[in-house]
PDB file of N, CA and C in Angstrom:
ATOM      1  N   UNK A   1      23.644 -10.981   0.068  1.00  0.00           N
ATOM      2  CA  UNK A   1      23.254 -10.152   1.431  1.00  0.00           C
ATOM      3  C   UNK A   1      23.795  -8.685   0.983  1.00  0.00           C
ATOM      4  N   UNK A   2      22.950  -7.692   1.306  1.00  0.00           N
ATOM      5  CA  UNK A   2      23.226  -6.403   1.164  1.00  0.00           C
ATOM      6  C   UNK A   2      24.169  -5.947   2.456  1.00  0.00           C
ATOM      7  N   UNK A   3      25.223  -4.922   2.205  1.00  0.00           N
ATOM      8  CA  UNK A   3      25.833  -4.479   3.337  1.00  0.00           C
ATOM      9  C   UNK A   3      25.098  -2.967   3.573  1.00  0.00           C
ATOM     10  N   UNK A   4      24.789  -2.989   4.656  1.00  0.00           N
ATOM     11  CA  UNK A   4      23.906  -1.815   4.414  1.00  0.00           C
ATOM     12  C   UNK A   4      24.805  -0.580   5.187  1.00  0.00           C
ATOM     13  N   UNK A   5      24.671   0.730   5.162  1.00  0.00           N
ATOM     14  CA  UNK A   5      25.442   1.761   5.450  1.00  0.00           C
ATOM     15  C   UNK A   5      24.295   3.086   5.783  1.00  0.00           C
ATOM     16  N   UNK A   6      24.962   3.696   6.710  1.00  0.00           N
ATOM     17  CA  UNK A   6      23.783   4.939   7.191  1.00  0.00           C
ATOM     18  C   UNK A   6      23.242   5.720   5.806  1.00  0.00           C
ATOM     19  N   UNK A   7      24.062   5.789   4.919  1.00  0.00           N
ATOM     20  CA  UNK A   7      23.532   6.691   3.338  1.00  0.00           C
ATOM     21  C   UNK A   7      22.376   5.860   2.823  1.00  0.00           C
ATOM     22  N   UNK A   8      22.051   4.671   3.147  1.00  0.00           N
ATOM     23  CA  UNK A   8      21.002   3.989   2.633  1.00  0.00           C
ATOM     24  C   UNK A   8      19.696   4.364   3.419  1.00  0.00           C
ATOM     25  N   UNK A   9      19.920   4.817   4.495  1.00  0.00           N
ATOM     26  CA  UNK A   9      18.599   5.208   5.356  1.00  0.00           C
ATOM     27  C   UNK A   9      18.308   6.645   5.556  1.00  0.00           C
ATOM     28  N   UNK A  10      19.530   7.580   5.405  1.00  0.00           N
ATOM     29  CA  UNK A  10      19.162   9.016   5.693  1.00  0.00           C
ATOM     30  C   UNK A  10      18.420   9.546   4.900  1.00  0.00           C
ATOM     31  N   UNK A  11      18.272   9.145   3.854  1.00  0.00           N
ATOM     32  CA  UNK A  11      17.062   9.743   3.095  1.00  0.00           C
ATOM     33  C   UNK A  11      15.759   9.074   3.035  1.00  0.00           C
ATOM     34  N   UNK A  12      15.546   8.187   4.177  1.00  0.00           N
ATOM     35  CA  UNK A  12      14.244   7.628   4.382  1.00  0.00           C
ATOM     36  C   UNK A  12      13.477   8.267   5.832  1.00  0.00           C
ATOM     37  N   UNK A  13      13.994   9.345   6.433  1.00  0.00           N
ATOM     38  CA  UNK A  13      13.646   9.721   7.686  1.00  0.00           C
ATOM     39  C   UNK A  13      12.203  10.139   7.572  1.00  0.00           C
ATOM     40  N   UNK A  14      11.483   9.659   8.417  1.00  0.00           N
ATOM     41  CA  UNK A  14      10.057   9.764   8.665  1.00  0.00           C
ATOM     42  C   UNK A  14       9.178   9.043   7.582  1.00  0.00           C
ATOM     43  N   UNK A  15       9.739   8.083   6.850  1.00  0.00           N
ATOM     44  CA  UNK A  15       8.896   7.492   5.877  1.00  0.00           C
ATOM     45  C   UNK A  15       8.783   5.751   6.581  1.00  0.00           C
ATOM     46  N   UNK A  16       7.906   5.143   5.768  1.00  0.00           N
ATOM     47  CA  UNK A  16       7.540   4.004   6.296  1.00  0.00           C
ATOM     48  C   UNK A  16       8.309   2.469   5.819  1.00  0.00           C
ATOM     49  N   UNK A  17       8.583   1.832   6.691  1.00  0.00           N
ATOM     50  CA  UNK A  17       9.228   0.501   6.254  1.00  0.00           C
ATOM     51  C   UNK A  17       8.310  -0.432   6.567  1.00  0.00           C
ATOM     52  N   UNK A  18       7.983  -1.544   5.928  1.00  0.00           N
ATOM     53  CA  UNK A  18       6.921  -2.700   6.126  1.00  0.00           C
ATOM     54  C   UNK A  18       7.625  -3.829   6.523  1.00  0.00           C
ATOM     55  N   UNK A  19       7.197  -4.350   7.734  1.00  0.00           N
ATOM     56  CA  UNK A  19       7.374  -5.825   7.910  1.00  0.00           C
ATOM     57  C   UNK A  19       6.259  -6.763   8.020  1.00  0.00           C
ATOM     58  N   UNK A  20       6.388  -8.007   7.413  1.00  0.00           N
ATOM     59  CA  UNK A  20       5.089  -8.816   7.747  1.00  0.00           C
ATOM     60  C   UNK A  20       5.381  -9.702   8.757  1.00  0.00           C
ATOM     61  N   UNK A  21       4.620  -9.544   9.816  1.00  0.00           N
ATOM     62  CA  UNK A  21       4.752 -10.276  11.200  1.00  0.00           C
ATOM     63  C   UNK A  21       3.475 -11.176  11.006  1.00  0.00           C
ATOM     64  N   UNK A  22       3.379 -12.465  11.085  1.00  0.00           N
ATOM     65  CA  UNK A  22       2.230 -13.333  11.267  1.00  0.00           C
ATOM     66  C   UNK A  22       1.483 -12.965  10.138  1.00  0.00           C
ATOM     67  N   UNK A  23       1.799 -12.849   8.930  1.00  0.00           N
ATOM     68  CA  UNK A  23       1.256 -12.295   7.676  1.00  0.00           C
ATOM     69  C   UNK A  23       0.567 -11.146   7.559  1.00  0.00           C
ATOM     70  N   UNK A  24       0.615 -10.360   8.465  1.00  0.00           N
ATOM     71  CA  UNK A  24       0.408  -8.973   8.405  1.00  0.00           C
ATOM     72  C   UNK A  24       0.948  -7.803   8.195  1.00  0.00           C
ATOM     73  N   UNK A  25       0.846  -7.122   7.295  1.00  0.00           N
ATOM     74  CA  UNK A  25       1.972  -6.049   6.744  1.00  0.00           C
ATOM     75  C   UNK A  25       2.218  -4.873   8.144  1.00  0.00           C
ATOM     76  N   UNK A  26       3.036  -5.032   8.695  1.00  0.00           N
ATOM     77  CA  UNK A  26       3.028  -4.165   9.762  1.00  0.00           C
ATOM     78  C   UNK A  26       4.215  -2.617   9.645  1.00  0.00           C
ATOM     79  N   UNK A  27       3.572  -1.713   9.822  1.00  0.00           N
ATOM     80  CA  UNK A  27       4.455  -0.451   9.453  1.00  0.00           C
ATOM     81  C   UNK A  27       5.339   0.017  10.636  1.00  0.00           C
ATOM     82  N   UNK A  28       6.669   0.377  10.247  1.00  0.00           N
ATOM     83  CA  UNK A  28       7.466   0.874  11.186  1.00  0.00           C
ATOM     84  C   UNK A  28       8.236   2.029  10.711  1.00  0.00           C
ATOM     85  N   UNK A  29       8.030   3.291  11.452  1.00  0.00           N
ATOM     86  CA  UNK A  29       8.442   4.363  10.878  1.00  0.00           C
ATOM     87  C   UNK A  29       9.925   4.811  11.138  1.00  0.00           C
ATOM     88  N   UNK A  30      10.677   4.989  10.461  1.00  0.00           N
ATOM     89  CA  UNK A  30      11.946   5.581  10.964  1.00  0.00           C
ATOM     90  C   UNK A  30      12.113   7.068  11.272  1.00  0.00           C
ATOM     91  N   UNK A  31      12.561   7.215  12.629  1.00  0.00           N
ATOM     92  CA  UNK A  31      12.445   8.535  12.855  1.00  0.00           C
ATOM     93  C   UNK A  31      13.769   9.045  13.237  1.00  0.00           C
ATOM     94  N   UNK A  32      14.666   8.218  13.217  1.00  0.00           N
ATOM     95  CA  UNK A  32      16.052   8.414  13.441  1.00  0.00           C
ATOM     96  C   UNK A  32      17.079   7.693  12.983  1.00  0.00           C
ATOM     97  N   UNK A  33      18.102   8.322  12.131  1.00  0.00           N
ATOM     98  CA  UNK A  33      19.405   7.688  11.567  1.00  0.00           C
ATOM     99  C   UNK A  33      20.180   8.470  11.648  1.00  0.00           C
ATOM    100  N   UNK A  34      21.475   7.861  12.714  1.00  0.00           N
ATOM    101  CA  UNK A  34      22.464   8.754  13.210  1.00  0.00           C
ATOM    102  C   UNK A  34      23.715   8.065  13.361  1.00  0.00           C
ATOM    103  N   UNK A  35      24.883   8.826  13.093  1.00  0.00           N
ATOM    104  CA  UNK A  35      26.175   8.065  12.984  1.00  0.00           C
ATOM    105  C   UNK A  35      26.536   7.858  14.408  1.00  0.00           C
ATOM    106  N   UNK A  36      27.334   6.919  14.925  1.00  0.00           N
ATOM    107  CA  UNK A  36      27.817   6.783  16.214  1.00  0.00           C
ATOM    108  C   UNK A  36      29.425   6.954  16.337  1.00  0.00           C
ATOM    109  N   UNK A  37      29.732   7.383  17.425  1.00  0.00           N
ATOM    110  CA  UNK A  37      31.280   7.564  17.650  1.00  0.00           C
ATOM    111  C   UNK A  37      32.008   6.451  17.465  1.00  0.00           C
ATOM    112  N   UNK A  38      33.272   6.476  16.639  1.00  0.00           N
ATOM    113  CA  UNK A  38      34.047   5.382  16.608  1.00  0.00           C
ATOM    114  C   UNK A  38      35.407   5.888  16.575  1.00  0.00           C
ATOM    115  N   UNK A  39      36.448   5.224  16.473  1.00  0.00           N
ATOM    116  CA  UNK A  39      37.924   5.609  16.255  1.00  0.00           C
ATOM    117  C   UNK A  39      38.268   4.713  15.178  1.00  0.00           C
ATOM    118  N   UNK A  40      38.667   5.016  14.012  1.00  0.00           N
ATOM    119  CA  UNK A  40      38.833   4.719  13.045  1.00  0.00           C
ATOM    120  C   UNK A  40      40.056   3.551  13.393  1.00  0.00           C
ATOM    121  N   UNK A  41      39.948   2.174  12.697  1.00  0.00           N
ATOM    122  CA  UNK A  41      40.934   1.055  12.846  1.00  0.00           C
ATOM    123  C   UNK A  41      41.155   0.478  11.363  1.00  0.00           C
ATOM    124  N   UNK A  42      42.076  -0.249  11.263  1.00  0.00           N
ATOM    125  CA  UNK A  42      42.527  -0.743  10.178  1.00  0.00           C
ATOM    126  C   UNK A  42      41.355  -2.054  10.032  1.00  0.00           C
ATOM    127  N   UNK A  43      41.008  -2.123   8.928  1.00  0.00           N
ATOM    128  CA  UNK A  43      39.684  -3.417   8.747  1.00  0.00           C
ATOM    129  C   UNK A  43      38.520  -2.896   8.903  1.00  0.00           C
ATOM    130  N   UNK A  44      38.218  -1.547   9.149  1.00  0.00           N
ATOM    131  CA  UNK A  44      36.700  -1.017   9.648  1.00  0.00           C
ATOM    132  C   UNK A  44      36.317  -0.972   8.036  1.00  0.00           C
ATOM    133  N   UNK A  45      34.899  -1.811   7.959  1.00  0.00           N
ATOM    134  CA  UNK A  45      34.283  -1.751   6.806  1.00  0.00           C
ATOM    135  C   UNK A  45      33.041  -0.553   6.665  1.00  0.00           C
ATOM    136  N   UNK A  46      32.706   0.004   7.578  1.00  0.00           N
ATOM    137  CA  UNK A  46      31.669   0.972   7.376  1.00  0.00           C
ATOM    138  C   UNK A  46      31.789   1.701   9.015  1.00  0.00           C
ATOM    139  N   UNK A  47      31.490   2.671   8.714  1.00  0.00           N
ATOM    140  CA  UNK A  47      31.290   3.533   9.626  1.00  0.00           C
ATOM    141  C   UNK A  47      30.080   3.186  10.550  1.00  0.00           C
ATOM    142  N   UNK A  48      29.934   3.021  12.116  1.00  0.00           N
ATOM    143  CA  UNK A  48      28.945   2.462  12.843  1.00  0.00           C
ATOM    144  C   UNK A  48      27.963   3.299  12.770  1.00  0.00           C
ATOM    145  N   UNK A  49      26.370   3.039  12.895  1.00  0.00           N
ATOM    146  CA  UNK A  49      25.400   3.992  12.852  1.00  0.00           C
ATOM    147  C   UNK A  49      24.313   3.293  13.731  1.00  0.00           C
ATOM    148  N   UNK A  50      23.231   3.866  14.078  1.00  0.00           N
ATOM    149  CA  UNK A  50      22.181   3.629  14.799  1.00  0.00           C
ATOM    150  C   UNK A  50      20.759   4.117  14.099  1.00  0.00           C
ATOM    151  N   UNK A  51      19.789   3.146  13.955  1.00  0.00           N
ATOM    152  CA  UNK A  51      18.380   3.527  13.399  1.00  0.00           C
ATOM    153  C   UNK A  51      17.215   3.388  14.785  1.00  0.00           C
ATOM    154  N   UNK A  52      16.641   4.397  14.594  1.00  0.00           N
ATOM    155  CA  UNK A  52      15.120   4.218  15.669  1.00  0.00           C
ATOM    156  C   UNK A  52      14.203   4.265  14.739  1.00  0.00           C
ATOM    157  N   UNK A  53      13.246   3.254  14.973  1.00  0.00           N
ATOM    158  CA  UNK A  53      11.940   3.339  14.411  1.00  0.00           C
ATOM    159  C   UNK A  53      11.021   3.407  15.288  1.00  0.00           C
ATOM    160  N   UNK A  54       9.667   3.693  14.741  1.00  0.00           N
ATOM    161  CA  UNK A  54       8.600   3.797  15.788  1.00  0.00           C
ATOM    162  C   UNK A  54       7.401   2.915  15.032  1.00  0.00           C
ATOM    163  N   UNK A  55       7.029   2.106  16.081  1.00  0.00           N
ATOM    164  CA  UNK A  55       5.705   1.279  15.744  1.00  0.00           C
ATOM    165  C   UNK A  55       4.485   1.605  16.615  1.00  0.00           C
ATOM    166  N   UNK A  56       3.361   2.158  15.995  1.00  0.00           N
ATOM    167  CA  UNK A  56       2.268   2.357  16.726  1.00  0.00           C
ATOM    168  C   UNK A  56       1.412   1.364  17.261  1.00  0.00           C
ATOM    169  N   UNK A  57       1.628   0.172  17.312  1.00  0.00           N
ATOM    170  CA  UNK A  57       0.817  -0.953  17.588  1.00  0.00           C
ATOM    171  C   UNK A  57       0.984  -1.068  19.275  1.00  0.00           C
ATOM    172  N   UNK A  58      -0.053  -1.313  19.603  1.00  0.00           N
ATOM    173  CA  UNK A  58      -0.020  -1.868  21.083  1.00  0.00           C
ATOM    174  C   UNK A  58       0.572  -2.749  21.703  1.00  0.00           C
ATOM    175  N   UNK A  59       0.919  -3.764  20.695  1.00  0.00           N
ATOM    176  CA  UNK A  59       1.771  -5.075  20.624  1.00  0.00           C
ATOM    177  C   UNK A  59       3.204  -4.682  20.848  1.00  0.00           C
ATOM    178  N   UNK A  60       3.840  -5.181  21.789  1.00  0.00           N
ATOM    179  CA  UNK A  60       5.401  -5.136  22.020  1.00  0.00           C
ATOM    180  C   UNK A  60       6.011  -6.223  21.082  1.00  0.00           C
ATOM    181  N   UNK A  61       6.719  -6.260  20.164  1.00  0.00           N
ATOM    182  CA  UNK A  61       7.536  -7.134  19.058  1.00  0.00           C
ATOM    183  C   UNK A  61       8.755  -7.586  19.756  1.00  0.00           C
ATOM    184  N   UNK A  62       9.132  -8.751  20.023  1.00  0.00           N
ATOM    185  CA  UNK A  62      10.263  -9.177  20.585  1.00  0.00           C
ATOM    186  C   UNK A  62      11.649  -8.754  19.930  1.00  0.00           C
ATOM    187  N   UNK A  63      12.607  -8.664  20.448  1.00  0.00           N
ATOM    188  CA  UNK A  63      14.005  -8.243  19.758  1.00  0.00           C
ATOM    189  C   UNK A  63      14.264  -9.789  18.994  1.00  0.00           C
ATOM    190  N   UNK A  64      14.492  -9.175  17.557  1.00  0.00           N
ATOM    191  CA  UNK A  64      14.928 -10.465  16.748  1.00  0.00           C
ATOM    192  C   UNK A  64      15.238  -9.631  15.121  1.00  0.00           C
ATOM    193  N   UNK A  65      15.611 -10.477  14.380  1.00  0.00           N
ATOM    194  CA  UNK A  65      15.686 -10.036  12.962  1.00  0.00           C
ATOM    195  C   UNK A  65      14.262 -10.255  12.307  1.00  0.00           C
ATOM    196  N   UNK A  66      13.979  -8.949  11.679  1.00  0.00           N
ATOM    197  CA  UNK A  66      12.945  -8.829  10.799  1.00  0.00           C
ATOM    198  C   UNK A  66      13.288  -8.468   9.381  1.00  0.00           C
ATOM    199  N   UNK A  67      12.239  -9.235   8.648  1.00  0.00           N
ATOM    200  CA  UNK A  67      12.779  -9.062   7.228  1.00  0.00           C
ATOM    201  C   UNK A  67      11.861  -7.463   6.692  1.00  0.00           C
ATOM    202  N   UNK A  68      12.512  -6.372   6.505  1.00  0.00           N
ATOM    203  CA  UNK A  68      12.051  -4.882   6.073  1.00  0.00           C
ATOM    204  C   UNK A  68      11.703  -4.738   4.628  1.00  0.00           C
ATOM    205  N   UNK A  69      11.103  -3.981   4.446  1.00  0.00           N
ATOM    206  CA  UNK A  69      10.787  -3.713   2.850  1.00  0.00           C
ATOM    207  C   UNK A  69      10.501  -2.142   2.659  1.00  0.00           C
ATOM    208  N   UNK A  70      10.936  -1.337   1.748  1.00  0.00           N
ATOM    209  CA  UNK A  70      10.870   0.026   1.509  1.00  0.00           C
ATOM    210  C   UNK A  70      10.967  -0.130   0.255  1.00  0.00           C
ATOM    211  N   UNK A  71      10.242   0.979  -0.532  1.00  0.00           N
ATOM    212  CA  UNK A  71      10.496   1.280  -2.192  1.00  0.00           C
ATOM    213  C   UNK A  71      11.992   1.739  -2.128  1.00  0.00           C
ATOM    214  N   UNK A  72      12.771   1.516  -3.088  1.00  0.00           N
ATOM    215  CA  UNK A  72      13.872   1.845  -3.344  1.00  0.00           C
ATOM    216  C   UNK A  72      15.164   1.169  -2.549  1.00  0.00           C
ATOM    217  N   UNK A  73      14.934   0.585  -1.578  1.00  0.00           N
ATOM    218  CA  UNK A  73      15.831  -0.283  -1.100  1.00  0.00           C
ATOM    219  C   UNK A  73      15.770  -1.932  -1.254  1.00  0.00           C
ATOM    220  N   UNK A  74      14.217  -2.132  -1.436  1.00  0.00           N
ATOM    221  CA  UNK A  74      13.839  -3.566  -1.454  1.00  0.00           C
ATOM    222  C   UNK A  74      13.850  -4.293   0.014  1.00  0.00           C
ATOM    223  N   UNK A  75      14.062  -5.442   0.049  1.00  0.00           N
ATOM    224  CA  UNK A  75      14.004  -6.284   1.232  1.00  0.00           C
ATOM    225  C   UNK A  75      15.154  -6.705   1.667  1.00  0.00           C
ATOM    226  N   UNK A  76      15.177  -6.381   2.966  1.00  0.00           N
ATOM    227  CA  UNK A  76      16.393  -6.903   4.027  1.00  0.00           C
ATOM    228  C   UNK A  76      16.200  -7.091   5.313  1.00  0.00           C
ATOM    229  N   UNK A  77      17.289  -7.952   6.151  1.00  0.00           N
ATOM    230  CA  UNK A  77      16.888  -8.377   7.425  1.00  0.00           C
ATOM    231  C   UNK A  77      17.684  -7.276   8.179  1.00  0.00           C
ATOM    232  N   UNK A  78      16.860  -7.184   9.356  1.00  0.00           N
ATOM    233  CA  UNK A  78      17.481  -5.896  10.167  1.00  0.00           C
ATOM    234  C   UNK A  78      17.072  -6.433  11.806  1.00  0.00           C
ATOM    235  N   UNK A  79      18.083  -6.469  12.830  1.00  0.00           N
ATOM    236  CA  UNK A  79      17.879  -6.863  14.103  1.00  0.00           C
ATOM    237  C   UNK A  79      17.489  -5.683  14.734  1.00  0.00           C
ATOM    238  N   UNK A  80      16.001  -5.998  15.311  1.00  0.00           N
ATOM    239  CA  UNK A  80      15.505  -4.853  15.930  1.00  0.00           C
ATOM    240  C   UNK A  80      15.278  -4.920  17.494  1.00  0.00           C
ATOM    241  N   UNK A  81      15.519  -4.163  18.290  1.00  0.00           N
ATOM    242  CA  UNK A  81      15.418  -4.236  19.943  1.00  0.00           C
ATOM    243  C   UNK A  81      14.518  -3.080  20.159  1.00  0.00           C
ATOM    244  N   UNK A  82      13.454  -3.673  21.179  1.00  0.00           N
ATOM    245  CA  UNK A  82      12.737  -2.337  21.504  1.00  0.00           C
ATOM    246  C   UNK A  82      13.317  -1.770  22.764  1.00  0.00           C
ATOM    247  N   UNK A  83      13.254  -0.445  22.749  1.00  0.00           N
ATOM    248  CA  UNK A  83      13.972   0.360  23.640  1.00  0.00           C
ATOM    249  C   UNK A  83      13.329   1.199  24.670  1.00  0.00           C
ATOM    250  N   UNK A  84      12.159   1.669  23.948  1.00  0.00           N
ATOM    251  CA  UNK A  84      11.499   2.596  24.844  1.00  0.00           C
ATOM    252  C   UNK A  84       9.803   2.689  24.555  1.00  0.00           C
ATOM    253  N   UNK A  85       9.090   3.252  25.019  1.00  0.00           N
ATOM    254  CA  UNK A  85       7.658   3.314  24.850  1.00  0.00           C
ATOM    255  C   UNK A  85       7.240   4.980  25.147  1.00  0.00           C
ATOM    256  N   UNK A  86       6.445   5.346  23.998  1.00  0.00           N
ATOM    257  CA  UNK A  86       6.119   6.794  24.241  1.00  0.00           C
ATOM    258  C   UNK A  86       4.584   6.997  24.091  1.00  0.00           C
ATOM    259  N   UNK A  87       3.735   8.117  23.989  1.00  0.00           N
ATOM    260  CA  UNK A  87       2.358   8.002  23.816  1.00  0.00           C
ATOM    261  C   UNK A  87       2.316   7.407  22.288  1.00  0.00           C
ATOM    262  N   UNK A  88       3.053   7.471  21.242  1.00  0.00           N
ATOM    263  CA  UNK A  88       2.702   7.129  20.029  1.00  0.00           C
ATOM    264  C   UNK A  88       2.978   5.490  19.672  1.00  0.00           C
ATOM    265  N   UNK A  89       3.642   4.576  20.632  1.00  0.00           N
ATOM    266  CA  UNK A  89       3.968   3.651  20.570  1.00  0.00           C
ATOM    267  C   UNK A  89       5.350   3.206  21.099  1.00  0.00           C
ATOM    268  N   UNK A  90       5.718   2.025  20.260  1.00  0.00           N
ATOM    269  CA  UNK A  90       7.190   1.409  21.088  1.00  0.00           C
ATOM    270  C   UNK A  90       8.070   2.174  20.030  1.00  0.00           C
ATOM    271  N   UNK A  91       9.309   2.169  20.489  1.00  0.00           N
ATOM    272  CA  UNK A  91      10.243   2.339  19.571  1.00  0.00           C
ATOM    273  C   UNK A  91      11.604   1.232  19.685  1.00  0.00           C
ATOM    274  N   UNK A  92      11.998   0.950  18.240  1.00  0.00           N
ATOM    275  CA  UNK A  92      12.970  -0.035  18.219  1.00  0.00           C
ATOM    276  C   UNK A  92      14.161   0.552  17.882  1.00  0.00           C
ATOM    277  N   UNK A  93      15.342  -0.119  18.110  1.00  0.00           N
ATOM    278  CA  UNK A  93      16.457   0.180  17.722  1.00  0.00           C
ATOM    279  C   UNK A  93      17.364  -0.959  17.010  1.00  0.00           C
ATOM    280  N   UNK A  94      18.388  -0.402  15.915  1.00  0.00           N
ATOM    281  CA  UNK A  94      19.038  -0.967  15.235  1.00  0.00           C
ATOM    282  C   UNK A  94      20.493  -0.364  15.159  1.00  0.00           C
ATOM    283  N   UNK A  95      21.507  -1.247  15.696  1.00  0.00           N
ATOM    284  CA  UNK A  95      22.736  -0.718  15.766  1.00  0.00           C
ATOM    285  C   UNK A  95      23.553  -1.566  14.675  1.00  0.00           C
ATOM    286  N   UNK A  96      24.064  -0.736  13.882  1.00  0.00           N
ATOM    287  CA  UNK A  96      25.253  -1.224  13.090  1.00  0.00           C
ATOM    288  C   UNK A  96      26.711  -1.244  13.358  1.00  0.00           C
ATOM    289  N   UNK A  97      27.680  -2.037  13.624  1.00  0.00           N
ATOM    290  CA  UNK A  97      28.791  -1.753  13.908  1.00  0.00           C
ATOM    291  C   UNK A  97      29.741  -2.705  12.965  1.00  0.00           C
TER     292      UNK A  97
END
């Protein structure tokens, strides 16, 4: 299992990550990658961060772990939670702490 950090995503802003949902390749665009506030503690393995993805489908996908893929990072699992809807689709968040 790959240990993901903010640096893995920062260079992929506005790029498309793909998820196979019911055998359909579904695009999620990374629209935000930002650090979260935290207090350094002994044993902290990574600084916490948040990712926001936009999916333009009219279908709201449930919160769960999705297998994502993007060139340069390969395939990895990420837990996405739908948090908002805007004129362009649904926004999904992943929080790493």
